[in-house]
N, C-alpha and C. Protein backbone atom coordinates (compact mmCIF):
# COMPACT_ATOMS: atom_id res chain seq x y z
N UNK A 1 -10.73 12.34 4.45
CA UNK A 1 -11.88 11.27 4.02
C UNK A 1 -11.56 10.69 2.59
N UNK A 2 -11.72 9.13 2.68
CA UNK A 2 -11.58 8.61 1.23
C UNK A 2 -12.88 8.73 0.51
N UNK A 3 -12.75 8.97 -0.95
CA UNK A 3 -14.06 8.94 -1.63
C UNK A 3 -14.02 7.80 -2.74
N UNK A 4 -15.01 6.85 -2.53
CA UNK A 4 -14.87 5.81 -3.39
C UNK A 4 -16.32 5.90 -4.15
N UNK A 5 -16.19 5.57 -5.39
CA UNK A 5 -17.00 5.42 -6.67
C UNK A 5 -16.75 4.36 -7.26
N UNK A 6 -17.96 3.36 -7.36
CA UNK A 6 -17.67 2.19 -8.08
C UNK A 6 -18.28 2.03 -9.38
N UNK A 7 -17.86 1.51 -10.32
CA UNK A 7 -18.17 1.26 -11.60
C UNK A 7 -18.12 -0.21 -12.05
N UNK A 8 -18.86 -0.44 -13.22
CA UNK A 8 -19.25 -1.80 -13.60
C UNK A 8 -18.16 -1.87 -14.79
N UNK A 9 -17.48 -3.07 -15.24
CA UNK A 9 -16.90 -3.29 -16.29
C UNK A 9 -17.20 -2.82 -17.57
N UNK A 10 -18.57 -3.18 -18.05
CA UNK A 10 -19.30 -2.67 -19.15
C UNK A 10 -18.85 -1.19 -19.58
N UNK A 11 -19.16 -0.41 -18.16
CA UNK A 11 -19.26 1.00 -18.45
C UNK A 11 -17.65 1.34 -18.50
N UNK A 12 -16.61 0.69 -18.02
CA UNK A 12 -15.28 0.92 -18.17
C UNK A 12 -15.00 0.90 -19.65
N UNK A 13 -15.29 -0.61 -20.18
CA UNK A 13 -15.12 -0.95 -21.57
C UNK A 13 -15.70 0.00 -22.63
N UNK A 14 -16.86 0.48 -22.40
CA UNK A 14 -17.33 1.37 -23.37
C UNK A 14 -16.83 2.65 -23.36
N UNK A 15 -16.51 3.20 -22.12
CA UNK A 15 -15.79 4.64 -21.97
C UNK A 15 -14.54 4.63 -22.66
N UNK A 16 -13.54 3.45 -22.58
CA UNK A 16 -12.48 3.51 -23.21
C UNK A 16 -12.71 3.23 -24.72
N UNK A 17 -13.55 2.37 -24.80
CA UNK A 17 -13.89 2.25 -26.60
C UNK A 17 -14.25 3.68 -27.21
N UNK A 18 -14.91 4.51 -26.41
CA UNK A 18 -15.28 5.81 -27.09
C UNK A 18 -13.77 6.57 -27.19
N UNK A 19 -13.26 6.68 -26.38
CA UNK A 19 -12.09 7.48 -26.28
C UNK A 19 -11.04 6.78 -27.27
N UNK A 20 -10.75 5.76 -27.43
CA UNK A 20 -9.86 4.96 -28.56
C UNK A 20 -10.52 5.23 -29.87
N UNK A 21 -11.83 5.16 -30.24
CA UNK A 21 -12.26 5.37 -31.55
C UNK A 21 -11.91 6.84 -31.79
N UNK A 22 -12.14 7.72 -31.20
CA UNK A 22 -12.13 9.36 -31.11
C UNK A 22 -10.55 9.37 -31.68
N UNK A 23 -9.66 8.65 -31.17
CA UNK A 23 -8.16 8.72 -31.76
C UNK A 23 -7.72 8.32 -32.90
N UNK A 24 -8.86 7.28 -33.53
CA UNK A 24 -8.70 6.94 -34.92
C UNK A 24 -7.03 6.41 -35.06
N UNK A 25 -6.90 5.67 -33.83
CA UNK A 25 -5.70 4.99 -34.00
C UNK A 25 -5.51 3.30 -34.10
N UNK A 26 -4.97 2.90 -35.39
CA UNK A 26 -5.42 1.83 -35.76
C UNK A 26 -4.68 0.39 -34.64
N UNK A 27 -3.47 0.91 -34.13
CA UNK A 27 -2.96 0.04 -33.32
C UNK A 27 -3.75 -0.33 -31.84
N UNK A 28 -4.38 0.82 -31.58
CA UNK A 28 -5.22 0.82 -30.57
C UNK A 28 -6.52 0.04 -30.84
N UNK A 29 -7.02 0.30 -31.79
CA UNK A 29 -8.19 -0.53 -32.25
C UNK A 29 -8.09 -1.91 -31.91
N UNK A 30 -6.83 -2.33 -32.57
CA UNK A 30 -6.42 -3.86 -32.72
C UNK A 30 -6.28 -4.06 -31.27
N UNK A 31 -5.88 -3.67 -30.36
CA UNK A 31 -5.59 -3.80 -28.85
C UNK A 31 -7.04 -3.75 -28.11
N UNK A 32 -7.81 -2.86 -28.64
CA UNK A 32 -9.17 -2.62 -27.90
C UNK A 32 -9.96 -4.00 -28.33
N UNK A 33 -9.94 -4.63 -29.62
CA UNK A 33 -10.67 -5.67 -30.16
C UNK A 33 -10.02 -7.01 -29.23
N UNK A 34 -8.89 -6.87 -28.94
CA UNK A 34 -8.34 -8.06 -28.35
C UNK A 34 -8.81 -8.23 -26.86
N UNK A 35 -9.06 -7.02 -26.12
CA UNK A 35 -9.46 -6.80 -24.70
C UNK A 35 -10.81 -7.10 -24.88
N UNK A 36 -11.62 -6.62 -25.65
CA UNK A 36 -13.25 -6.79 -25.65
C UNK A 36 -13.55 -8.16 -26.04
N UNK A 37 -12.66 -8.83 -26.74
CA UNK A 37 -13.06 -10.36 -27.29
C UNK A 37 -12.97 -11.03 -26.36
N UNK A 38 -12.11 -10.85 -25.07
CA UNK A 38 -11.95 -11.75 -24.10
C UNK A 38 -12.72 -11.18 -22.94
N UNK A 39 -13.78 -10.30 -23.37
CA UNK A 39 -14.59 -9.76 -21.91
C UNK A 39 -15.40 -10.46 -21.24
N UNK A 40 -15.88 -11.72 -22.27
CA UNK A 40 -16.76 -12.60 -21.63
C UNK A 40 -16.42 -13.46 -20.62
N UNK A 41 -15.04 -13.64 -20.68
CA UNK A 41 -14.41 -14.50 -19.64
C UNK A 41 -13.72 -13.76 -18.73
N UNK A 42 -13.79 -12.33 -18.82
CA UNK A 42 -13.04 -11.51 -17.98
C UNK A 42 -13.25 -11.71 -16.29
N UNK A 43 -14.64 -11.85 -16.17
CA UNK A 43 -14.95 -11.67 -14.70
C UNK A 43 -14.88 -13.03 -14.18
N UNK A 44 -14.71 -14.38 -14.74
CA UNK A 44 -14.47 -15.72 -14.11
C UNK A 44 -12.80 -15.78 -13.73
N UNK A 45 -11.94 -14.98 -14.85
CA UNK A 45 -10.61 -15.14 -14.79
C UNK A 45 -9.84 -14.14 -13.99
N UNK A 46 -10.36 -12.73 -13.89
CA UNK A 46 -10.23 -11.69 -13.27
C UNK A 46 -9.51 -11.63 -11.76
N UNK A 47 -8.53 -11.28 -11.39
CA UNK A 47 -7.93 -11.35 -10.10
C UNK A 47 -8.23 -9.99 -9.72
N UNK A 48 -8.34 -9.66 -8.37
CA UNK A 48 -8.48 -8.47 -7.42
C UNK A 48 -7.20 -7.70 -7.76
N UNK A 49 -7.24 -6.73 -7.99
CA UNK A 49 -5.91 -5.89 -8.13
C UNK A 49 -6.08 -4.29 -7.93
N UNK A 50 -4.92 -3.61 -7.56
CA UNK A 50 -4.95 -2.19 -7.22
C UNK A 50 -3.82 -1.41 -8.04
N UNK A 51 -4.03 -0.21 -8.61
CA UNK A 51 -3.68 0.61 -9.34
C UNK A 51 -3.33 1.87 -8.82
N UNK A 52 -2.12 2.27 -8.37
CA UNK A 52 -2.33 3.43 -7.50
C UNK A 52 -1.28 4.44 -8.25
N UNK A 53 -2.12 5.79 -8.60
CA UNK A 53 -1.52 6.72 -9.38
C UNK A 53 -1.01 7.84 -8.59
N UNK A 54 -0.05 8.53 -8.99
CA UNK A 54 0.38 9.67 -8.20
C UNK A 54 1.16 10.65 -9.22
N UNK A 55 0.83 11.80 -8.92
CA UNK A 55 1.76 12.86 -9.47
C UNK A 55 3.02 12.89 -9.11
N UNK A 56 4.17 13.11 -9.59
CA UNK A 56 5.40 13.23 -8.98
C UNK A 56 5.39 14.16 -7.79
N UNK A 57 6.15 14.33 -6.64
CA UNK A 57 6.24 14.93 -5.72
C UNK A 57 6.73 16.08 -5.95
N UNK A 58 6.97 16.89 -5.11
CA UNK A 58 7.12 18.37 -5.15
C UNK A 58 8.46 18.70 -5.83
N UNK A 59 8.59 19.36 -6.91
CA UNK A 59 9.82 19.74 -7.74
C UNK A 59 10.48 20.83 -7.32
N UNK A 60 11.72 21.00 -7.67
CA UNK A 60 12.59 22.12 -7.27
C UNK A 60 12.29 23.35 -7.94
N UNK A 61 12.23 24.59 -7.48
CA UNK A 61 11.57 25.82 -7.96
C UNK A 61 12.92 26.45 -8.59
N UNK A 62 12.63 27.80 -9.31
CA UNK A 62 13.69 28.46 -9.87
C UNK A 62 14.72 27.69 -10.77
N UNK A 63 14.28 26.80 -11.68
CA UNK A 63 15.13 26.25 -12.43
C UNK A 63 14.74 26.33 -13.69
N UNK A 64 15.70 26.30 -14.69
CA UNK A 64 15.24 26.48 -16.20
C UNK A 64 15.50 25.19 -16.93
N UNK A 65 15.90 24.05 -16.06
CA UNK A 65 15.98 22.82 -16.44
C UNK A 65 14.48 22.25 -16.62
N UNK A 66 14.28 21.91 -17.97
CA UNK A 66 12.88 21.12 -18.45
C UNK A 66 12.65 19.94 -17.67
N UNK A 67 13.74 19.22 -17.54
CA UNK A 67 13.74 17.97 -16.75
C UNK A 67 14.22 18.02 -14.99
N UNK A 68 13.38 18.91 -14.68
CA UNK A 68 13.54 19.49 -13.16
C UNK A 68 13.30 18.27 -12.24
N UNK A 69 14.37 18.46 -11.08
CA UNK A 69 14.54 17.21 -10.19
C UNK A 69 13.47 17.62 -8.85
N UNK A 70 13.20 16.67 -8.22
CA UNK A 70 12.35 17.08 -6.90
C UNK A 70 13.24 17.97 -5.97
N UNK A 71 12.44 18.80 -5.30
CA UNK A 71 12.83 19.46 -4.12
C UNK A 71 13.19 18.42 -2.95
N UNK A 72 13.80 19.31 -2.08
CA UNK A 72 14.20 18.68 -0.47
C UNK A 72 12.75 18.06 -0.33
N UNK A 73 11.66 18.61 -0.26
CA UNK A 73 10.47 18.19 0.43
C UNK A 73 9.74 17.10 -0.49
N UNK A 74 9.93 17.18 -1.81
CA UNK A 74 9.46 16.30 -2.74
C UNK A 74 10.25 14.85 -2.61
N UNK A 75 11.70 14.78 -2.23
CA UNK A 75 12.48 13.69 -2.03
C UNK A 75 12.06 13.18 -0.71
N UNK A 76 11.74 13.89 0.38
CA UNK A 76 11.36 13.33 1.77
C UNK A 76 9.74 12.48 1.23
N UNK A 77 8.73 13.40 0.77
CA UNK A 77 7.63 12.76 0.40
C UNK A 77 7.78 11.48 -0.39
N UNK A 78 8.75 11.53 -1.49
CA UNK A 78 9.06 10.12 -2.00
C UNK A 78 9.54 9.00 -1.20
N UNK A 79 10.13 9.23 -0.18
CA UNK A 79 10.62 8.13 0.85
C UNK A 79 9.35 7.67 1.51
N UNK A 80 8.60 8.87 2.08
CA UNK A 80 7.50 8.44 2.93
C UNK A 80 6.50 7.75 2.08
N UNK A 81 6.43 7.84 1.01
CA UNK A 81 5.39 7.17 0.07
C UNK A 81 6.05 5.65 -0.21
N UNK A 82 7.05 5.67 -0.31
CA UNK A 82 7.99 4.17 -0.56
C UNK A 82 7.60 3.46 0.86
N UNK A 83 7.75 4.07 1.87
CA UNK A 83 7.68 3.36 3.25
C UNK A 83 6.14 2.81 3.50
N UNK A 84 5.14 3.61 3.13
CA UNK A 84 3.86 3.45 3.16
C UNK A 84 3.40 2.47 2.24
N UNK A 85 3.88 2.33 0.97
CA UNK A 85 3.69 1.20 -0.04
C UNK A 85 4.56 0.11 -0.11
N UNK A 86 5.45 0.02 0.78
CA UNK A 86 6.30 -1.06 1.19
C UNK A 86 5.32 -2.19 1.45
N UNK A 87 4.42 -2.28 2.40
CA UNK A 87 3.44 -3.05 2.96
C UNK A 87 2.62 -3.94 1.85
N UNK A 88 2.35 -3.10 0.48
CA UNK A 88 1.50 -3.42 -0.16
C UNK A 88 2.11 -4.30 -1.33
N UNK A 89 1.37 -5.41 -1.93
CA UNK A 89 1.69 -6.21 -2.66
C UNK A 89 1.94 -5.42 -3.99
N UNK A 90 3.07 -5.49 -4.73
CA UNK A 90 3.14 -4.77 -6.21
C UNK A 90 3.86 -5.46 -7.19
N UNK A 91 3.61 -5.66 -8.26
CA UNK A 91 4.09 -6.38 -9.29
C UNK A 91 4.89 -5.49 -10.41
N UNK A 92 4.55 -4.24 -10.22
CA UNK A 92 4.84 -3.26 -11.42
C UNK A 92 5.05 -1.79 -10.79
N UNK A 93 5.88 -1.04 -11.70
CA UNK A 93 6.12 0.28 -10.87
C UNK A 93 6.22 0.89 -12.72
N UNK A 94 5.69 1.88 -12.84
CA UNK A 94 5.64 2.68 -14.02
C UNK A 94 6.07 4.45 -13.80
N UNK A 95 6.65 4.70 -14.70
CA UNK A 95 7.22 6.33 -14.60
C UNK A 95 7.10 6.81 -16.14
N UNK A 96 6.91 8.18 -16.32
CA UNK A 96 7.33 8.78 -17.41
C UNK A 96 8.73 8.97 -17.40
N UNK A 97 9.26 9.35 -18.39
CA UNK A 97 10.97 9.64 -18.42
C UNK A 97 11.49 10.84 -18.12
N UNK A 98 11.07 11.09 -16.83
CA UNK A 98 11.57 12.41 -16.18
C UNK A 98 12.21 12.11 -14.88
N UNK A 99 13.16 13.08 -14.64
CA UNK A 99 13.89 12.67 -13.39
C UNK A 99 12.90 12.86 -12.15
N UNK A 100 11.98 13.59 -12.25
CA UNK A 100 11.14 13.86 -11.01
C UNK A 100 9.93 12.90 -10.69
N UNK A 101 9.68 12.28 -11.99
CA UNK A 101 8.57 11.26 -11.82
C UNK A 101 9.43 9.68 -11.37
N UNK A 102 10.57 9.54 -11.97
CA UNK A 102 11.47 8.47 -11.70
C UNK A 102 11.95 8.54 -10.22
N UNK A 103 12.25 9.60 -9.89
CA UNK A 103 12.81 9.72 -8.59
C UNK A 103 11.57 9.39 -7.22
N UNK A 104 10.50 9.84 -7.93
CA UNK A 104 9.32 9.74 -7.03
C UNK A 104 8.73 8.33 -6.72
N UNK A 105 9.42 7.27 -7.30
CA UNK A 105 9.09 5.98 -7.09
C UNK A 105 10.41 4.97 -7.09
N UNK A 106 11.55 5.66 -7.31
CA UNK A 106 12.95 5.06 -7.15
C UNK A 106 13.25 4.17 -6.00
N UNK A 107 12.76 4.89 -4.86
CA UNK A 107 13.04 4.31 -3.40
C UNK A 107 12.21 3.16 -3.39
N UNK A 108 10.84 3.20 -3.64
CA UNK A 108 9.95 2.25 -3.71
C UNK A 108 10.46 0.95 -4.74
N UNK A 109 10.76 1.16 -5.76
CA UNK A 109 11.13 0.25 -6.72
C UNK A 109 12.49 -0.66 -5.84
N UNK A 110 13.29 -0.03 -5.32
CA UNK A 110 14.45 -0.45 -4.54
C UNK A 110 13.92 -1.76 -3.38
N UNK A 111 12.94 -1.00 -2.79
CA UNK A 111 12.31 -1.82 -1.69
C UNK A 111 11.72 -3.05 -2.32
N UNK A 112 10.82 -2.72 -3.36
CA UNK A 112 10.23 -3.81 -3.85
C UNK A 112 11.26 -4.74 -4.95
N UNK A 113 12.42 -4.42 -5.25
CA UNK A 113 13.24 -4.98 -6.08
C UNK A 113 12.49 -5.15 -7.49
N UNK A 114 11.99 -4.17 -7.90
CA UNK A 114 11.32 -3.88 -9.13
C UNK A 114 12.06 -3.10 -10.18
N UNK A 115 12.02 -3.21 -11.30
CA UNK A 115 12.27 -2.24 -12.48
C UNK A 115 11.30 -1.08 -12.66
N UNK A 116 11.84 0.01 -12.98
CA UNK A 116 10.77 1.03 -13.27
C UNK A 116 10.59 1.03 -14.69
N UNK A 117 9.43 0.71 -15.18
CA UNK A 117 9.21 0.63 -16.59
C UNK A 117 8.62 2.11 -17.01
N UNK A 118 9.14 2.39 -18.20
CA UNK A 118 8.64 3.67 -18.63
C UNK A 118 7.37 3.45 -19.62
N UNK A 119 6.64 4.66 -19.62
CA UNK A 119 5.32 4.55 -20.34
C UNK A 119 5.10 5.70 -21.38
N UNK A 120 4.42 5.86 -21.97
CA UNK A 120 4.22 7.09 -23.03
C UNK A 120 3.12 7.97 -22.43
N UNK A 121 3.23 8.99 -21.91
CA UNK A 121 2.20 9.89 -21.43
C UNK A 121 1.32 10.57 -22.45
N UNK A 122 1.65 10.37 -23.95
CA UNK A 122 1.01 10.78 -25.07
C UNK A 122 0.08 9.64 -25.42
N UNK A 123 -0.09 8.48 -24.73
CA UNK A 123 -0.71 7.25 -25.16
C UNK A 123 -1.39 6.56 -24.05
N UNK A 124 -2.10 7.66 -23.15
CA UNK A 124 -2.89 7.18 -21.92
C UNK A 124 -3.73 6.09 -22.13
N UNK A 125 -4.66 6.30 -23.28
CA UNK A 125 -5.80 5.25 -23.31
C UNK A 125 -5.23 3.92 -23.77
N UNK A 126 -4.12 3.82 -24.44
CA UNK A 126 -3.57 2.51 -24.83
C UNK A 126 -3.10 2.09 -23.56
N UNK A 127 -2.29 2.98 -22.54
CA UNK A 127 -1.78 2.58 -21.51
C UNK A 127 -2.82 2.00 -20.21
N UNK A 128 -3.70 2.83 -20.32
CA UNK A 128 -4.93 2.22 -19.49
C UNK A 128 -5.34 0.88 -19.78
N UNK A 129 -5.65 0.49 -20.97
CA UNK A 129 -6.09 -0.83 -21.52
C UNK A 129 -5.12 -1.95 -21.16
N UNK A 130 -3.50 -1.51 -21.26
CA UNK A 130 -2.46 -2.42 -20.86
C UNK A 130 -2.80 -2.64 -19.42
N UNK A 131 -2.94 -1.92 -18.57
CA UNK A 131 -2.80 -1.94 -17.08
C UNK A 131 -3.99 -2.77 -16.76
N UNK A 132 -5.14 -2.60 -17.31
CA UNK A 132 -6.38 -3.55 -17.01
C UNK A 132 -6.15 -4.70 -17.32
N UNK A 133 -5.38 -5.19 -18.64
CA UNK A 133 -5.34 -6.21 -19.25
C UNK A 133 -4.41 -7.09 -18.27
N UNK A 134 -3.27 -6.72 -17.96
CA UNK A 134 -2.21 -7.26 -17.26
C UNK A 134 -2.69 -7.77 -15.68
N UNK A 135 -3.60 -7.02 -15.15
CA UNK A 135 -4.22 -7.28 -13.65
C UNK A 135 -3.02 -7.24 -12.95
N UNK A 136 -2.18 -6.52 -12.69
CA UNK A 136 -1.03 -6.29 -12.09
C UNK A 136 -1.28 -5.31 -10.79
N UNK A 137 -1.10 -5.44 -9.66
CA UNK A 137 -0.92 -4.49 -8.76
C UNK A 137 0.28 -3.47 -9.16
N UNK A 138 -0.03 -2.08 -9.15
CA UNK A 138 0.96 -1.38 -10.07
C UNK A 138 0.82 0.10 -9.69
N UNK A 139 2.05 0.80 -9.42
CA UNK A 139 2.08 2.46 -9.07
C UNK A 139 2.54 2.98 -10.59
N UNK A 140 2.03 3.91 -10.77
CA UNK A 140 2.25 4.78 -11.90
C UNK A 140 2.39 6.26 -11.61
N UNK A 141 3.77 6.83 -11.72
CA UNK A 141 4.35 8.20 -11.38
C UNK A 141 3.97 8.91 -12.98
N UNK A 142 3.17 10.15 -12.61
CA UNK A 142 2.85 10.86 -13.63
C UNK A 142 2.96 12.26 -13.33
N UNK A 143 2.11 13.08 -14.21
CA UNK A 143 2.45 14.56 -13.77
C UNK A 143 0.77 15.18 -13.69
N UNK A 144 0.80 16.67 -13.70
CA UNK A 144 -0.41 17.15 -13.19
C UNK A 144 -1.19 17.21 -14.26
N UNK A 145 -0.62 16.98 -15.60
CA UNK A 145 -1.49 16.94 -16.91
C UNK A 145 -1.80 15.60 -17.31
N UNK A 146 -1.29 14.63 -16.69
CA UNK A 146 -1.57 13.18 -17.20
C UNK A 146 -2.14 12.07 -15.96
N UNK A 147 -1.98 12.40 -14.72
CA UNK A 147 -2.16 11.52 -13.60
C UNK A 147 -3.88 11.47 -13.69
N UNK A 148 -4.66 12.58 -13.69
CA UNK A 148 -5.96 12.78 -13.83
C UNK A 148 -6.69 12.40 -15.17
N UNK A 149 -6.03 12.54 -16.27
CA UNK A 149 -6.52 11.79 -17.63
C UNK A 149 -6.28 10.39 -17.35
N UNK A 150 -5.11 9.77 -16.90
CA UNK A 150 -5.06 8.27 -16.99
C UNK A 150 -6.09 7.76 -15.72
N UNK A 151 -6.42 8.47 -14.80
CA UNK A 151 -7.48 7.83 -13.71
C UNK A 151 -8.51 7.96 -14.54
N UNK A 152 -9.15 8.75 -15.32
CA UNK A 152 -10.45 8.81 -16.16
C UNK A 152 -10.25 7.39 -17.23
N UNK A 153 -9.12 7.32 -17.91
CA UNK A 153 -8.95 6.57 -19.03
C UNK A 153 -9.36 5.00 -18.17
N UNK A 154 -9.02 4.88 -16.79
CA UNK A 154 -9.01 3.50 -16.26
C UNK A 154 -10.78 3.50 -15.76
N UNK A 155 -11.41 4.40 -16.07
CA UNK A 155 -12.89 4.50 -15.59
C UNK A 155 -13.24 5.29 -14.72
N UNK A 156 -12.59 6.04 -14.14
CA UNK A 156 -12.92 6.93 -12.71
C UNK A 156 -13.18 8.24 -13.56
N UNK A 157 -13.77 9.08 -12.58
CA UNK A 157 -14.01 10.72 -12.89
C UNK A 157 -12.59 11.40 -12.88
N UNK A 158 -12.65 12.02 -14.18
CA UNK A 158 -11.30 12.77 -14.24
C UNK A 158 -11.10 13.69 -13.25
N UNK A 159 -9.85 13.95 -12.66
CA UNK A 159 -9.47 14.75 -11.82
C UNK A 159 -8.42 15.79 -12.35
N UNK A 160 -8.61 17.16 -11.99
CA UNK A 160 -8.01 18.13 -12.39
C UNK A 160 -6.87 18.63 -11.58
N UNK A 161 -5.49 18.63 -11.73
CA UNK A 161 -4.85 18.81 -10.50
C UNK A 161 -3.98 20.24 -11.02
N UNK A 162 -3.97 21.08 -10.22
CA UNK A 162 -3.35 22.32 -10.21
C UNK A 162 -1.77 22.06 -10.05
N UNK A 163 -1.14 23.31 -10.39
CA UNK A 163 0.22 23.57 -10.25
C UNK A 163 0.88 22.93 -8.63
N UNK A 164 0.20 23.21 -7.77
CA UNK A 164 0.61 22.94 -6.59
C UNK A 164 0.10 22.08 -5.80
N UNK A 165 -0.85 21.07 -6.82
CA UNK A 165 -1.33 20.08 -6.06
C UNK A 165 -0.58 18.84 -5.95
N UNK A 166 -0.09 18.35 -4.96
CA UNK A 166 1.06 17.42 -4.60
C UNK A 166 0.42 16.45 -3.61
N UNK A 167 0.85 14.99 -3.50
CA UNK A 167 0.44 14.00 -2.37
C UNK A 167 -0.80 13.45 -2.54
N UNK A 168 -1.44 13.40 -3.63
CA UNK A 168 -2.81 12.72 -3.49
C UNK A 168 -2.47 11.27 -4.25
N UNK A 169 -3.03 10.35 -3.71
CA UNK A 169 -3.07 8.96 -4.24
C UNK A 169 -3.99 8.54 -4.71
N UNK A 170 -4.20 8.36 -5.94
CA UNK A 170 -5.61 7.89 -6.78
C UNK A 170 -5.88 6.32 -6.83
N UNK A 171 -6.46 5.68 -6.34
CA UNK A 171 -6.42 4.42 -6.29
C UNK A 171 -7.65 3.61 -6.88
N UNK A 172 -7.26 2.74 -7.97
CA UNK A 172 -8.29 2.07 -8.66
C UNK A 172 -8.13 0.42 -8.56
N UNK A 173 -9.22 0.17 -7.45
CA UNK A 173 -9.28 -1.12 -7.20
C UNK A 173 -10.55 -1.84 -8.00
N UNK A 174 -9.71 -2.94 -8.68
CA UNK A 174 -10.46 -3.83 -9.65
C UNK A 174 -10.94 -5.41 -8.95
N UNK A 175 -12.12 -5.70 -8.92
CA UNK A 175 -12.31 -6.97 -8.55
C UNK A 175 -13.48 -7.57 -9.31
N UNK A 176 -13.10 -8.20 -10.12
CA UNK A 176 -14.33 -8.85 -10.93
C UNK A 176 -14.97 -7.98 -11.84
N UNK A 177 -16.11 -7.82 -12.02
CA UNK A 177 -16.82 -6.78 -12.52
C UNK A 177 -16.48 -5.47 -12.16
N UNK A 178 -16.43 -5.01 -10.92
CA UNK A 178 -16.34 -3.91 -10.24
C UNK A 178 -15.26 -3.04 -10.08
N UNK A 179 -15.10 -1.91 -10.49
CA UNK A 179 -14.12 -1.08 -10.06
C UNK A 179 -14.35 -0.02 -9.08
N UNK A 180 -13.59 0.28 -8.14
CA UNK A 180 -13.81 1.21 -7.24
C UNK A 180 -12.80 2.19 -7.38
N UNK A 181 -13.20 3.57 -7.20
CA UNK A 181 -12.20 4.53 -7.33
C UNK A 181 -11.95 5.63 -6.18
N UNK A 182 -10.75 5.60 -5.51
CA UNK A 182 -10.82 6.43 -4.27
C UNK A 182 -9.53 7.43 -4.42
N UNK A 183 -9.65 8.20 -3.34
CA UNK A 183 -8.24 9.09 -3.15
C UNK A 183 -7.96 9.18 -1.82
N UNK A 184 -6.70 9.10 -1.77
CA UNK A 184 -6.09 9.23 -0.40
C UNK A 184 -5.01 10.35 -0.58
N UNK A 185 -5.09 11.12 0.72
CA UNK A 185 -3.84 12.08 0.58
C UNK A 185 -2.76 11.44 1.38
N UNK A 186 -1.43 11.78 1.14
CA UNK A 186 -0.23 10.97 1.81
C UNK A 186 -0.09 11.40 3.12
N UNK A 187 -0.44 12.56 3.39
CA UNK A 187 -0.41 13.08 4.63
C UNK A 187 -1.39 11.99 5.77
N UNK A 188 -2.62 12.08 5.28
CA UNK A 188 -3.60 11.40 6.02
C UNK A 188 -3.42 10.00 5.97
N UNK A 189 -2.97 9.49 4.61
CA UNK A 189 -2.56 8.16 4.82
C UNK A 189 -1.47 7.74 5.54
N UNK A 190 -0.51 8.56 5.88
CA UNK A 190 0.58 8.24 6.81
C UNK A 190 0.05 8.26 8.16
N UNK A 191 -0.60 9.35 8.47
CA UNK A 191 -1.37 9.50 9.90
C UNK A 191 -1.95 8.22 10.37
N UNK A 192 -3.15 7.68 9.27
CA UNK A 192 -3.79 6.53 9.55
C UNK A 192 -3.15 5.29 9.85
N UNK A 193 -2.02 5.27 9.11
CA UNK A 193 -1.30 4.06 8.99
C UNK A 193 -0.41 4.01 10.44
N UNK A 194 0.00 5.22 10.60
CA UNK A 194 0.85 5.03 12.15
C UNK A 194 -0.21 4.83 13.20
N UNK A 195 -1.31 5.32 13.22
CA UNK A 195 -2.16 5.17 14.19
C UNK A 195 -2.58 3.54 14.52
N UNK A 196 -2.71 3.09 13.07
CA UNK A 196 -3.07 1.50 13.27
C UNK A 196 -2.16 0.88 13.87
N UNK A 197 -0.75 1.12 13.40
CA UNK A 197 0.55 0.55 14.08
C UNK A 197 0.58 0.70 15.40
N UNK A 198 0.20 1.89 15.94
CA UNK A 198 0.08 2.09 17.30
C UNK A 198 -0.80 1.32 18.29
N UNK A 199 -1.98 1.17 17.60
CA UNK A 199 -3.13 0.42 18.20
C UNK A 199 -2.56 -1.09 18.14
N UNK A 200 -2.27 -1.89 17.13
CA UNK A 200 -1.80 -2.92 17.04
C UNK A 200 -0.45 -3.48 18.06
N UNK A 201 0.19 -2.14 18.39
CA UNK A 201 1.41 -2.54 19.27
C UNK A 201 0.95 -2.15 20.70
N UNK A 202 -0.52 -1.71 20.78
CA UNK A 202 -0.50 -1.06 22.32
C UNK A 202 -0.93 -2.61 23.18
N UNK A 203 -0.54 -2.50 24.37
CA UNK A 203 -1.46 -3.27 25.41
C UNK A 203 -2.95 -3.31 25.77
N UNK A 204 -3.71 -4.40 25.98
CA UNK A 204 -4.88 -4.28 26.32
C UNK A 204 -5.12 -3.80 27.87
């Protein structure tokens, strides 16, 4: 079942502002002022866009390599995700600089003819403001300890992911002054998509 929570833009701006001020980062404050200065005209100029957050898919076990790759199951789910997202308009794909995150979106990047842009998982508040300012349909691959935090930085309720939590897709839909937060399961999303395609191809 999809869970959707809606927030207003003022709530998002205030929440990000509090997080940023707590960091006492001068460059972040400058960027924040730039974003908030244009907030009065945001509703009129903002397009509707979607941001999809995923944790990298299942990683290989029993390895001492800190840059552990995806397991066979993880690679399979990455392919499934790329197929499901291939019909969605995308302008950007982001990943942390790890094999498992890059591989989780590499097939999708190839399908969409997009480069994978790297982001710093240590500066998620900055990154959240960048994503909201760019207004791009984007996919972001992260980790169990970053995906939920970024989801919260974008204005949604923070999600805590366990070591074995894979396959959830966190969707942030922005439409004017409204932000909708929802969660999809890769498995259920795939089943629903297959069902819809079957219905569309069925004879009356």
